[in-house]
C-alpha cells in the first residue's frame, strides 16, 4: 500500500517471453496486486506466467488478442471487482520492459497528494529517454502530442507513453462500454479524462529501449486514431455546451469552432465571413485564426470544468 491507497499494477502482454519475467520480478514491494493480461500470445509468455514465482500477489488473465486497450480495460475492471469500495490506484506498465519500476513511486505522488486523478509518464522530460528514443518514434510522438492537445483541450507532452496511474474514482465513473480497445488507447483516455473534468499530471520518466518490436501499422494507425480524436474533440465541446458544464469559455470556443467550419465548408457562409473575405482576408487564414482562438478558449474551458468537478466534490464532503 501507499498511504491509504492499495496499489494495483495492470500489465498488458502479448508475445513478451523475453521481458515479462523481469517486469514482474522488479515490481516495488508496495504493490498489492499485479494483474497480467496475456492477450493472445503465441510464444511462451503463458507458460512463463504459470511458473513464475512473483514477489507480489499476481493474477493472470488470458485473452485471445482483443487489443491492448481491451486488455488494459480488463485489468482495471478486475481491480474494481477485487477491491470493491476500497480506495486504490491502478498503475499500467507495459510487459515489454520499457518502463522503470523504480519510478512508479513518482507516478503515484500527484494522486497521493490529491493534485490529480490521473498521472502520466513524460519521456520527453527525461534527457536520457529523449536521446535513446528512435528518431521516427520521436517525430510521430510530437505530431500526436500536438493533435491530442487540441482534442483534449490541454497540454499533452507525451500522449503515447503508456506508464500511467489512475485513481479508483476515475475507474468507477468510466463508461466501459464506450472505451477504445486498440492502439490509440492513451490518446482516447486523455480526451475522455478532459471531458469528464479529471486532472492529469505529467511526470518525467525514463523509457528503456531494447529489441522489442511495435505491432503498429503506421498509416492505418494515424488515420483511425486521427478520426477518433477529431470526433471525440467535437463531442467533448458540444457535450459541454448542452450540459451543466457550460461556461463562457466553452460557449466562446464553440462559436469560434463554428466560424472556422463555416469558413471551411463549401456552401456555408455568414455575414461575418463574407465581410472579412470581402476585405481581403484569406479564407484559409480565417479558418486557422478562428480555430486558434477556439483552442485558447477551449483550454480555459477545460480548466473551468476541472474546477467545477473539484467544487462539486468539496460540497459532497461537507
C-alpha atoms as a PDB file:
ATOM      1  CA  UNK A   1       0.000   0.000   0.000  1.00  0.00           C
ATOM      2  CA  UNK A   2       0.864   3.643  -0.327  1.00  0.00           C
ATOM      3  CA  UNK A   3      -0.692   5.701   2.433  1.00  0.00           C
ATOM      4  CA  UNK A   4      -4.401   4.852   2.478  1.00  0.00           C
ATOM      5  CA  UNK A   5      -4.376   3.518  -1.086  1.00  0.00           C
ATOM      6  CA  UNK A   6      -3.927  -0.010  -2.317  1.00  0.00           C
ATOM      7  CA  UNK A   7      -1.765  -0.205  -5.430  1.00  0.00           C
ATOM      8  CA  UNK A   8      -2.551  -2.492  -8.343  1.00  0.00           C
ATOM      9  CA  UNK A   9      -0.467  -2.874 -11.486  1.00  0.00           C
ATOM     10  CA  UNK A  10      -2.026  -3.808 -14.817  1.00  0.00           C
ATOM     11  CA  UNK A  11       0.466  -5.352 -17.238  1.00  0.00           C
ATOM     12  CA  UNK A  12      -0.721  -5.975 -20.804  1.00  0.00           C
ATOM     13  CA  UNK A  13       1.484  -8.554 -22.516  1.00  0.00           C
ATOM     14  CA  UNK A  14       1.486 -10.100 -25.960  1.00  0.00           C
ATOM     15  CA  UNK A  15       4.436 -12.261 -27.015  1.00  0.00           C
ATOM     16  CA  UNK A  16       6.662 -10.852 -24.264  1.00  0.00           C
ATOM     17  CA  UNK A  17       8.569 -14.029 -23.345  1.00  0.00           C
ATOM     18  CA  UNK A  18      11.862 -12.085 -23.304  1.00  0.00           C
ATOM     19  CA  UNK A  19      10.703  -9.405 -20.871  1.00  0.00           C
ATOM     20  CA  UNK A  20       7.672 -10.402 -18.804  1.00  0.00           C
ATOM     21  CA  UNK A  21       9.537 -12.246 -16.031  1.00  0.00           C
ATOM     22  CA  UNK A  22      11.862  -9.305 -15.365  1.00  0.00           C
ATOM     23  CA  UNK A  23       8.932  -6.866 -15.377  1.00  0.00           C
ATOM     24  CA  UNK A  24       7.090  -8.836 -12.689  1.00  0.00           C
ATOM     25  CA  UNK A  25      10.150  -9.641 -10.569  1.00  0.00           C
ATOM     26  CA  UNK A  26      11.182  -5.978 -10.307  1.00  0.00           C
ATOM     27  CA  UNK A  27       7.813  -4.624  -9.144  1.00  0.00           C
ATOM     28  CA  UNK A  28       8.138  -2.457  -5.983  1.00  0.00           C
ATOM     29  CA  UNK A  29       7.243  -4.072  -2.678  1.00  0.00           C
ATOM     30  CA  UNK A  30       4.381  -1.617  -2.031  1.00  0.00           C
ATOM     31  CA  UNK A  31       2.413  -3.153  -4.939  1.00  0.00           C
ATOM     32  CA  UNK A  32      -0.532  -5.123  -3.545  1.00  0.00           C
ATOM     33  CA  UNK A  33      -1.586  -6.925  -6.716  1.00  0.00           C
ATOM     34  CA  UNK A  34      -0.243  -7.383 -10.245  1.00  0.00           C
ATOM     35  CA  UNK A  35      -2.756  -8.273 -12.960  1.00  0.00           C
ATOM     36  CA  UNK A  36      -1.060  -9.609 -16.082  1.00  0.00           C
ATOM     37  CA  UNK A  37      -3.216  -9.659 -19.230  1.00  0.00           C
ATOM     38  CA  UNK A  38      -1.840 -12.191 -21.701  1.00  0.00           C
ATOM     39  CA  UNK A  39      -3.553 -11.014 -24.875  1.00  0.00           C
ATOM     40  CA  UNK A  40      -3.296 -13.956 -27.258  1.00  0.00           C
ATOM     41  CA  UNK A  41       0.442 -14.632 -27.038  1.00  0.00           C
ATOM     42  CA  UNK A  42       1.746 -17.318 -29.372  1.00  0.00           C
ATOM     43  CA  UNK A  43       5.149 -17.614 -27.696  1.00  0.00           C
ATOM     44  CA  UNK A  44       5.907 -18.963 -24.206  1.00  0.00           C
ATOM     45  CA  UNK A  45       4.507 -15.961 -22.306  1.00  0.00           C
ATOM     46  CA  UNK A  46       1.667 -18.035 -20.844  1.00  0.00           C
ATOM     47  CA  UNK A  47       3.973 -20.822 -19.634  1.00  0.00           C
ATOM     48  CA  UNK A  48       6.355 -18.308 -18.044  1.00  0.00           C
ATOM     49  CA  UNK A  49       3.491 -16.679 -16.139  1.00  0.00           C
ATOM     50  CA  UNK A  50       2.235 -20.056 -14.922  1.00  0.00           C
ATOM     51  CA  UNK A  51       5.638 -20.975 -13.488  1.00  0.00           C
ATOM     52  CA  UNK A  52       6.631 -17.517 -12.246  1.00  0.00           C
ATOM     53  CA  UNK A  53       7.268 -17.095  -8.522  1.00  0.00           C
ATOM     54  CA  UNK A  54       6.106 -13.488  -8.187  1.00  0.00           C
ATOM     55  CA  UNK A  55       7.321 -11.305  -5.268  1.00  0.00           C
ATOM     56  CA  UNK A  56       3.831  -9.731  -5.105  1.00  0.00           C
ATOM     57  CA  UNK A  57       0.351 -11.210  -5.328  1.00  0.00           C
ATOM     58  CA  UNK A  58      -0.275 -11.929  -9.007  1.00  0.00           C
ATOM     59  CA  UNK A  59      -3.265 -12.828 -11.133  1.00  0.00           C
ATOM     60  CA  UNK A  60      -3.101 -13.766 -14.832  1.00  0.00           C
ATOM     61  CA  UNK A  61      -5.919 -13.290 -17.326  1.00  0.00           C
ATOM     62  CA  UNK A  62      -5.682 -14.881 -20.765  1.00  0.00           C
ATOM     63  CA  UNK A  63      -7.417 -13.254 -23.743  1.00  0.00           C
ATOM     64  CA  UNK A  64      -7.479 -14.079 -27.428  1.00  0.00           C
ATOM     65  CA  UNK A  65      -5.944 -10.968 -28.990  1.00  0.00           C
ATOM     66  CA  UNK A  66      -8.705  -8.394 -28.377  1.00  0.00           C
ATOM     67  CA  UNK A  67      -6.273  -5.447 -28.438  1.00  0.00           C
ATOM     68  CA  UNK A  68      -4.112  -3.544 -25.986  1.00  0.00           C
ATOM     69  CA  UNK A  69      -6.903  -1.163 -24.956  1.00  0.00           C
ATOM     70  CA  UNK A  70      -9.279  -4.030 -24.206  1.00  0.00           C
ATOM     71  CA  UNK A  71      -6.516  -5.790 -22.257  1.00  0.00           C
ATOM     72  CA  UNK A  72      -5.854  -2.758 -20.061  1.00  0.00           C
ATOM     73  CA  UNK A  73      -9.579  -2.198 -19.502  1.00  0.00           C
ATOM     74  CA  UNK A  74      -9.842  -5.840 -18.430  1.00  0.00           C
ATOM     75  CA  UNK A  75      -7.139  -5.280 -15.821  1.00  0.00           C
ATOM     76  CA  UNK A  76      -8.744  -2.102 -14.498  1.00  0.00           C
ATOM     77  CA  UNK A  77     -12.121  -3.822 -14.183  1.00  0.00           C
ATOM     78  CA  UNK A  78     -10.552  -6.770 -12.364  1.00  0.00           C
ATOM     79  CA  UNK A  79      -9.135  -4.390  -9.741  1.00  0.00           C
ATOM     80  CA  UNK A  80     -12.551  -2.737  -9.382  1.00  0.00           C
ATOM     81  CA  UNK A  81     -14.159  -6.109  -8.729  1.00  0.00           C
ATOM     82  CA  UNK A  82     -11.333  -7.267  -6.463  1.00  0.00           C
ATOM     83  CA  UNK A  83     -11.240  -4.216  -4.178  1.00  0.00           C
ATOM     84  CA  UNK A  84     -14.884  -3.157  -4.470  1.00  0.00           C
ATOM     85  CA  UNK A  85     -15.310   0.102  -2.467  1.00  0.00           C
ATOM     86  CA  UNK A  86     -11.709   0.366  -1.271  1.00  0.00           C
ATOM     87  CA  UNK A  87      -9.541   3.273  -2.374  1.00  0.00           C
ATOM     88  CA  UNK A  88      -6.848   2.213  -4.808  1.00  0.00           C
ATOM     89  CA  UNK A  89      -4.607   3.352  -7.633  1.00  0.00           C
ATOM     90  CA  UNK A  90      -4.261   1.344 -10.814  1.00  0.00           C
ATOM     91  CA  UNK A  91      -0.861   1.600 -12.490  1.00  0.00           C
ATOM     92  CA  UNK A  92      -0.347   0.483 -16.091  1.00  0.00           C
ATOM     93  CA  UNK A  93       3.045  -0.902 -17.109  1.00  0.00           C
ATOM     94  CA  UNK A  94       3.815  -2.489 -20.454  1.00  0.00           C
ATOM     95  CA  UNK A  95       5.038  -6.068 -20.497  1.00  0.00           C
ATOM     96  CA  UNK A  96       7.981  -5.221 -22.764  1.00  0.00           C
ATOM     97  CA  UNK A  97      10.277  -3.835 -20.067  1.00  0.00           C
ATOM     98  CA  UNK A  98      10.296  -0.260 -21.381  1.00  0.00           C
ATOM     99  CA  UNK A  99       9.162   1.233 -18.064  1.00  0.00           C
ATOM    100  CA  UNK A 100      11.329   1.639 -14.993  1.00  0.00           C
ATOM    101  CA  UNK A 101       9.512   0.185 -11.935  1.00  0.00           C
ATOM    102  CA  UNK A 102      11.685   2.302  -9.637  1.00  0.00           C
ATOM    103  CA  UNK A 103       9.861   5.383 -10.948  1.00  0.00           C
ATOM    104  CA  UNK A 104       6.409   4.119 -10.001  1.00  0.00           C
ATOM    105  CA  UNK A 105       6.512   5.991  -6.713  1.00  0.00           C
ATOM    106  CA  UNK A 106       6.993   9.279  -8.591  1.00  0.00           C
ATOM    107  CA  UNK A 107       3.997   8.448 -10.776  1.00  0.00           C
ATOM    108  CA  UNK A 108       1.824   7.850  -7.709  1.00  0.00           C
ATOM    109  CA  UNK A 109       2.775  11.094  -5.955  1.00  0.00           C
ATOM    110  CA  UNK A 110       0.322  13.513  -7.689  1.00  0.00           C
ATOM    111  CA  UNK A 111      -2.581  11.194  -6.816  1.00  0.00           C
ATOM    112  CA  UNK A 112      -1.429  10.645  -3.238  1.00  0.00           C
ATOM    113  CA  UNK A 113      -1.230  14.429  -2.784  1.00  0.00           C
ATOM    114  CA  UNK A 114      -4.685  14.949  -4.375  1.00  0.00           C
ATOM    115  CA  UNK A 115      -3.196  17.084  -7.143  1.00  0.00           C
ATOM    116  CA  UNK A 116      -4.529  14.893  -9.961  1.00  0.00           C
ATOM    117  CA  UNK A 117      -6.723  11.861 -10.627  1.00  0.00           C
ATOM    118  CA  UNK A 118      -4.586  10.517 -13.480  1.00  0.00           C
ATOM    119  CA  UNK A 119      -0.804  10.611 -13.694  1.00  0.00           C
ATOM    120  CA  UNK A 120       1.065  10.004 -16.921  1.00  0.00           C
ATOM    121  CA  UNK A 121       4.713   9.442 -17.738  1.00  0.00           C
ATOM    122  CA  UNK A 122       6.530  12.038 -19.835  1.00  0.00           C
ATOM    123  CA  UNK A 123       9.581  10.601 -21.597  1.00  0.00           C
ATOM    124  CA  UNK A 124      10.359  13.915 -23.277  1.00  0.00           C
ATOM    125  CA  UNK A 125      11.195  15.471 -19.904  1.00  0.00           C
ATOM    126  CA  UNK A 126      13.913  12.860 -19.428  1.00  0.00           C
ATOM    127  CA  UNK A 127      17.016  13.669 -21.467  1.00  0.00           C
ATOM    128  CA  UNK A 128      18.269  10.095 -21.413  1.00  0.00           C
ATOM    129  CA  UNK A 129      14.987   8.808 -22.832  1.00  0.00           C
ATOM    130  CA  UNK A 130      14.854  11.567 -25.416  1.00  0.00           C
ATOM    131  CA  UNK A 131      18.312  10.690 -26.707  1.00  0.00           C
ATOM    132  CA  UNK A 132      17.647   6.956 -26.852  1.00  0.00           C
ATOM    133  CA  UNK A 133      14.189   7.218 -28.439  1.00  0.00           C
ATOM    134  CA  UNK A 134      14.227   6.190 -32.133  1.00  0.00           C
ATOM    135  CA  UNK A 135      14.004   9.279 -34.358  1.00  0.00           C
ATOM    136  CA  UNK A 136      10.854   8.162 -36.176  1.00  0.00           C
ATOM    137  CA  UNK A 137       9.062   7.427 -32.913  1.00  0.00           C
ATOM    138  CA  UNK A 138      10.131  10.795 -31.542  1.00  0.00           C
ATOM    139  CA  UNK A 139       8.739  12.681 -34.559  1.00  0.00           C
ATOM    140  CA  UNK A 140       5.479  10.703 -34.534  1.00  0.00           C
ATOM    141  CA  UNK A 141       5.046  11.362 -30.814  1.00  0.00           C
ATOM    142  CA  UNK A 142       5.495  15.106 -31.354  1.00  0.00           C
ATOM    143  CA  UNK A 143       2.791  15.130 -34.034  1.00  0.00           C
ATOM    144  CA  UNK A 144       0.428  13.114 -31.853  1.00  0.00           C
ATOM    145  CA  UNK A 145       1.189  15.393 -28.906  1.00  0.00           C
ATOM    146  CA  UNK A 146       0.027  18.423 -30.897  1.00  0.00           C
ATOM    147  CA  UNK A 147      -3.231  16.872 -32.092  1.00  0.00           C
ATOM    148  CA  UNK A 148      -4.013  15.188 -28.764  1.00  0.00           C
ATOM    149  CA  UNK A 149      -3.511  18.564 -27.092  1.00  0.00           C
ATOM    150  CA  UNK A 150      -6.072  20.089 -29.437  1.00  0.00           C
ATOM    151  CA  UNK A 151      -8.534  17.253 -28.891  1.00  0.00           C
ATOM    152  CA  UNK A 152      -8.183  17.188 -25.107  1.00  0.00           C
ATOM    153  CA  UNK A 153      -8.026  20.940 -24.508  1.00  0.00           C
ATOM    154  CA  UNK A 154      -4.819  20.756 -22.501  1.00  0.00           C
ATOM    155  CA  UNK A 155      -1.089  20.281 -22.907  1.00  0.00           C
ATOM    156  CA  UNK A 156      -0.093  16.651 -23.573  1.00  0.00           C
ATOM    157  CA  UNK A 157       3.711  16.472 -23.803  1.00  0.00           C
ATOM    158  CA  UNK A 158       3.921  12.689 -24.298  1.00  0.00           C
ATOM    159  CA  UNK A 159       0.487  11.211 -25.066  1.00  0.00           C
ATOM    160  CA  UNK A 160       1.839   7.856 -26.274  1.00  0.00           C
ATOM    161  CA  UNK A 161       3.589   6.965 -23.021  1.00  0.00           C
ATOM    162  CA  UNK A 162       1.658   4.065 -21.504  1.00  0.00           C
ATOM    163  CA  UNK A 163       3.104   4.367 -17.995  1.00  0.00           C
ATOM    164  CA  UNK A 164       0.106   5.716 -16.067  1.00  0.00           C
ATOM    165  CA  UNK A 165      -1.528   5.772 -12.647  1.00  0.00           C
ATOM    166  CA  UNK A 166      -5.297   6.207 -12.278  1.00  0.00           C
ATOM    167  CA  UNK A 167      -7.404   6.908  -9.183  1.00  0.00           C
ATOM    168  CA  UNK A 168     -10.179   4.435  -8.436  1.00  0.00           C
ATOM    169  CA  UNK A 169     -12.724   7.298  -8.599  1.00  0.00           C
ATOM    170  CA  UNK A 170     -11.996   7.599 -12.331  1.00  0.00           C
ATOM    171  CA  UNK A 171     -12.431   3.879 -12.910  1.00  0.00           C
ATOM    172  CA  UNK A 172     -15.744   3.792 -11.048  1.00  0.00           C
ATOM    173  CA  UNK A 173     -17.112   6.572 -13.252  1.00  0.00           C
ATOM    174  CA  UNK A 174     -15.663   5.292 -16.542  1.00  0.00           C
ATOM    175  CA  UNK A 175     -18.008   4.146 -19.316  1.00  0.00           C
ATOM    176  CA  UNK A 176     -16.506   0.761 -20.132  1.00  0.00           C
ATOM    177  CA  UNK A 177     -18.992   0.164 -22.949  1.00  0.00           C
ATOM    178  CA  UNK A 178     -17.625   3.204 -24.778  1.00  0.00           C
ATOM    179  CA  UNK A 179     -13.896   2.708 -24.373  1.00  0.00           C
ATOM    180  CA  UNK A 180     -11.198   2.470 -27.046  1.00  0.00           C
ATOM    181  CA  UNK A 181      -9.953  -1.091 -27.487  1.00  0.00           C
ATOM    182  CA  UNK A 182      -6.787  -0.960 -29.599  1.00  0.00           C
ATOM    183  CA  UNK A 183      -3.807   1.272 -30.329  1.00  0.00           C
ATOM    184  CA  UNK A 184      -4.603   4.929 -29.705  1.00  0.00           C
ATOM    185  CA  UNK A 185      -5.830   3.989 -26.221  1.00  0.00           C
ATOM    186  CA  UNK A 186      -3.655   6.629 -24.435  1.00  0.00           C
ATOM    187  CA  UNK A 187      -4.972   9.406 -26.704  1.00  0.00           C
ATOM    188  CA  UNK A 188      -8.565   8.341 -26.097  1.00  0.00           C
ATOM    189  CA  UNK A 189      -8.042   8.343 -22.330  1.00  0.00           C
ATOM    190  CA  UNK A 190      -6.589  11.849 -22.292  1.00  0.00           C
ATOM    191  CA  UNK A 191      -9.547  13.213 -24.261  1.00  0.00           C
ATOM    192  CA  UNK A 192     -12.126  11.356 -22.173  1.00  0.00           C
ATOM    193  CA  UNK A 193     -10.481  12.424 -18.906  1.00  0.00           C
ATOM    194  CA  UNK A 194     -10.710  16.047 -20.054  1.00  0.00           C
ATOM    195  CA  UNK A 195     -14.357  15.573 -20.992  1.00  0.00           C
ATOM    196  CA  UNK A 196     -15.096  14.215 -17.510  1.00  0.00           C
ATOM    197  CA  UNK A 197     -13.171  17.027 -15.800  1.00  0.00           C
ATOM    198  CA  UNK A 198     -10.432  14.939 -14.218  1.00  0.00           C
ATOM    199  CA  UNK A 199      -7.000  16.457 -13.653  1.00  0.00           C
ATOM    200  CA  UNK A 200      -3.934  14.984 -15.372  1.00  0.00           C
ATOM    201  CA  UNK A 201      -0.356  15.206 -14.091  1.00  0.00           C
ATOM    202  CA  UNK A 202       2.694  14.626 -16.300  1.00  0.00           C
ATOM    203  CA  UNK A 203       5.688  13.069 -14.560  1.00  0.00           C
ATOM    204  CA  UNK A 204       9.203  12.747 -16.068  1.00  0.00           C
ATOM    205  CA  UNK A 205      10.055   9.068 -16.592  1.00  0.00           C
ATOM    206  CA  UNK A 206      12.755   7.049 -18.282  1.00  0.00           C
ATOM    207  CA  UNK A 207      11.982   4.813 -21.243  1.00  0.00           C
ATOM    208  CA  UNK A 208      14.143   1.720 -21.699  1.00  0.00           C
ATOM    209  CA  UNK A 209      14.557   0.693 -25.326  1.00  0.00           C
ATOM    210  CA  UNK A 210      15.791  -2.744 -26.347  1.00  0.00           C
ATOM    211  CA  UNK A 211      14.957  -5.090 -29.210  1.00  0.00           C
ATOM    212  CA  UNK A 212      11.193  -5.027 -28.601  1.00  0.00           C
ATOM    213  CA  UNK A 213       9.068  -4.568 -31.719  1.00  0.00           C
ATOM    214  CA  UNK A 214       5.941  -2.477 -32.203  1.00  0.00           C
ATOM    215  CA  UNK A 215       2.873  -4.049 -33.798  1.00  0.00           C
ATOM    216  CA  UNK A 216       1.560  -0.696 -35.058  1.00  0.00           C
ATOM    217  CA  UNK A 217       0.972  -0.236 -38.778  1.00  0.00           C
ATOM    218  CA  UNK A 218       1.656   3.459 -39.145  1.00  0.00           C
ATOM    219  CA  UNK A 219      -0.759   4.641 -41.861  1.00  0.00           C
ATOM    220  CA  UNK A 220      -3.868   2.780 -40.581  1.00  0.00           C
ATOM    221  CA  UNK A 221      -2.984   3.889 -37.063  1.00  0.00           C
ATOM    222  CA  UNK A 222      -2.770   7.591 -37.917  1.00  0.00           C
ATOM    223  CA  UNK A 223      -5.961   7.506 -39.994  1.00  0.00           C
ATOM    224  CA  UNK A 224      -8.016   5.604 -37.408  1.00  0.00           C
ATOM    225  CA  UNK A 225      -6.711   7.447 -34.369  1.00  0.00           C
ATOM    226  CA  UNK A 226      -6.872  10.809 -36.150  1.00  0.00           C
ATOM    227  CA  UNK A 227     -10.554  10.327 -36.956  1.00  0.00           C
ATOM    228  CA  UNK A 228     -11.227   9.185 -33.398  1.00  0.00           C
ATOM    229  CA  UNK A 229      -9.565  12.282 -31.935  1.00  0.00           C
ATOM    230  CA  UNK A 230     -11.443  14.624 -34.292  1.00  0.00           C
ATOM    231  CA  UNK A 231     -14.776  13.053 -33.335  1.00  0.00           C
ATOM    232  CA  UNK A 232     -14.047  12.992 -29.595  1.00  0.00           C
ATOM    233  CA  UNK A 233     -12.832  16.601 -29.704  1.00  0.00           C
ATOM    234  CA  UNK A 234     -16.109  17.847 -31.168  1.00  0.00           C
ATOM    235  CA  UNK A 235     -18.144  15.528 -28.958  1.00  0.00           C
ATOM    236  CA  UNK A 236     -16.428  16.983 -25.882  1.00  0.00           C
ATOM    237  CA  UNK A 237     -17.031  20.596 -26.915  1.00  0.00           C
ATOM    238  CA  UNK A 238     -20.672  20.043 -27.847  1.00  0.00           C
ATOM    239  CA  UNK A 239     -21.447  17.955 -24.757  1.00  0.00           C
ATOM    240  CA  UNK A 240     -20.174  20.754 -22.511  1.00  0.00           C
ATOM    241  CA  UNK A 241     -22.377  23.342 -24.240  1.00  0.00           C
ATOM    242  CA  UNK A 242     -25.501  21.256 -23.609  1.00  0.00           C
ATOM    243  CA  UNK A 243     -24.743  20.336 -20.006  1.00  0.00           C
ATOM    244  CA  UNK A 244     -24.233  21.850 -16.569  1.00  0.00           C
ATOM    245  CA  UNK A 245     -20.594  22.370 -17.554  1.00  0.00           C
ATOM    246  CA  UNK A 246     -21.437  25.279 -19.820  1.00  0.00           C
ATOM    247  CA  UNK A 247     -19.122  28.227 -19.118  1.00  0.00           C
ATOM    248  CA  UNK A 248     -18.354  31.439 -21.054  1.00  0.00           C
ATOM    249  CA  UNK A 249     -15.104  29.811 -22.246  1.00  0.00           C
ATOM    250  CA  UNK A 250     -16.996  26.779 -23.536  1.00  0.00           C
ATOM    251  CA  UNK A 251     -19.534  28.945 -25.369  1.00  0.00           C
ATOM    252  CA  UNK A 252     -16.924  31.204 -26.997  1.00  0.00           C
ATOM    253  CA  UNK A 253     -14.865  28.165 -28.021  1.00  0.00           C
ATOM    254  CA  UNK A 254     -17.929  26.630 -29.650  1.00  0.00           C
ATOM    255  CA  UNK A 255     -18.700  29.821 -31.549  1.00  0.00           C
ATOM    256  CA  UNK A 256     -15.122  30.118 -32.802  1.00  0.00           C
ATOM    257  CA  UNK A 257     -15.056  26.472 -33.900  1.00  0.00           C
ATOM    258  CA  UNK A 258     -18.344  27.005 -35.755  1.00  0.00           C
ATOM    259  CA  UNK A 259     -16.974  30.086 -37.559  1.00  0.00           C
ATOM    260  CA  UNK A 260     -13.957  28.032 -38.666  1.00  0.00           C
ATOM    261  CA  UNK A 261     -16.132  25.231 -40.032  1.00  0.00           C
ATOM    262  CA  UNK A 262     -18.451  27.671 -41.815  1.00  0.00           C
ATOM    263  CA  UNK A 263     -15.458  29.274 -43.485  1.00  0.00           C
ATOM    264  CA  UNK A 264     -14.046  25.876 -44.453  1.00  0.00           C
ATOM    265  CA  UNK A 265     -17.087  24.031 -45.773  1.00  0.00           C
ATOM    266  CA  UNK A 266     -18.421  24.989 -49.213  1.00  0.00           C
ATOM    267  CA  UNK A 267     -21.934  26.373 -49.422  1.00  0.00           C
ATOM    268  CA  UNK A 268     -21.934  27.653 -45.839  1.00  0.00           C
ATOM    269  CA  UNK A 269     -21.186  31.281 -45.127  1.00  0.00           C
ATOM    270  CA  UNK A 270     -22.067  34.042 -42.708  1.00  0.00           C
ATOM    271  CA  UNK A 271     -22.248  37.800 -42.967  1.00  0.00           C
ATOM    272  CA  UNK A 272     -19.089  37.976 -40.873  1.00  0.00           C
ATOM    273  CA  UNK A 273     -17.208  35.620 -43.176  1.00  0.00           C
ATOM    274  CA  UNK A 274     -18.353  37.475 -46.322  1.00  0.00           C
ATOM    275  CA  UNK A 275     -17.335  40.786 -44.791  1.00  0.00           C
ATOM    276  CA  UNK A 276     -13.869  39.544 -43.790  1.00  0.00           C
ATOM    277  CA  UNK A 277     -13.185  37.818 -47.117  1.00  0.00           C
ATOM    278  CA  UNK A 278     -14.501  40.869 -48.958  1.00  0.00           C
ATOM    279  CA  UNK A 279     -11.921  42.974 -47.125  1.00  0.00           C
ATOM    280  CA  UNK A 280      -9.175  40.748 -48.473  1.00  0.00           C
ATOM    281  CA  UNK A 281      -8.786  38.136 -45.708  1.00  0.00           C
ATOM    282  CA  UNK A 282      -7.677  34.743 -46.985  1.00  0.00           C
ATOM    283  CA  UNK A 283     -10.339  32.083 -46.150  1.00  0.00           C
ATOM    284  CA  UNK A 284      -7.624  29.663 -45.015  1.00  0.00           C
ATOM    285  CA  UNK A 285      -6.240  32.274 -42.641  1.00  0.00           C
ATOM    286  CA  UNK A 286      -9.767  32.881 -41.350  1.00  0.00           C
ATOM    287  CA  UNK A 287     -10.181  29.172 -40.561  1.00  0.00           C
ATOM    288  CA  UNK A 288      -6.832  28.962 -38.781  1.00  0.00           C
ATOM    289  CA  UNK A 289      -7.457  32.186 -36.862  1.00  0.00           C
ATOM    290  CA  UNK A 290     -10.915  31.038 -35.751  1.00  0.00           C
ATOM    291  CA  UNK A 291      -9.657  27.655 -34.607  1.00  0.00           C
ATOM    292  CA  UNK A 292      -6.657  29.155 -32.814  1.00  0.00           C
ATOM    293  CA  UNK A 293      -8.973  31.434 -30.848  1.00  0.00           C
ATOM    294  CA  UNK A 294     -11.260  28.460 -30.211  1.00  0.00           C
ATOM    295  CA  UNK A 295      -8.373  26.420 -28.807  1.00  0.00           C
ATOM    296  CA  UNK A 296      -7.379  29.216 -26.416  1.00  0.00           C
ATOM    297  CA  UNK A 297     -10.930  29.367 -25.071  1.00  0.00           C
ATOM    298  CA  UNK A 298     -11.100  25.566 -25.062  1.00  0.00           C
ATOM    299  CA  UNK A 299      -8.089  25.286 -22.763  1.00  0.00           C
ATOM    300  CA  UNK A 300      -9.729  27.774 -20.431  1.00  0.00           C
ATOM    301  CA  UNK A 301     -12.947  25.770 -20.547  1.00  0.00           C
ATOM    302  CA  UNK A 302     -11.048  22.596 -19.639  1.00  0.00           C
ATOM    303  CA  UNK A 303      -9.593  24.243 -16.550  1.00  0.00           C
ATOM    304  CA  UNK A 304     -13.011  25.552 -15.514  1.00  0.00           C
ATOM    305  CA  UNK A 305     -14.635  22.120 -15.933  1.00  0.00           C
ATOM    306  CA  UNK A 306     -11.941  20.668 -13.681  1.00  0.00           C
ATOM    307  CA  UNK A 307     -12.670  23.363 -11.091  1.00  0.00           C
ATOM    308  CA  UNK A 308     -16.393  22.607 -11.285  1.00  0.00           C
ATOM    309  CA  UNK A 309     -15.672  18.941 -10.509  1.00  0.00           C
ATOM    310  CA  UNK A 310     -13.417  19.829  -7.577  1.00  0.00           C
ATOM    311  CA  UNK A 311     -16.029  22.237  -6.158  1.00  0.00           C
ATOM    312  CA  UNK A 312     -18.780  19.638  -6.540  1.00  0.00           C
ATOM    313  CA  UNK A 313     -16.672  17.038  -4.726  1.00  0.00           C
ATOM    314  CA  UNK A 314     -15.944  19.516  -1.929  1.00  0.00           C
ATOM    315  CA  UNK A 315     -19.664  20.221  -1.497  1.00  0.00           C
ATOM    316  CA  UNK A 316     -20.378  16.487  -1.280  1.00  0.00           C
ATOM    317  CA  UNK A 317     -17.884  16.111   1.552  1.00  0.00           C
ATOM    318  CA  UNK A 318     -19.435  18.974   3.504  1.00  0.00           C
END
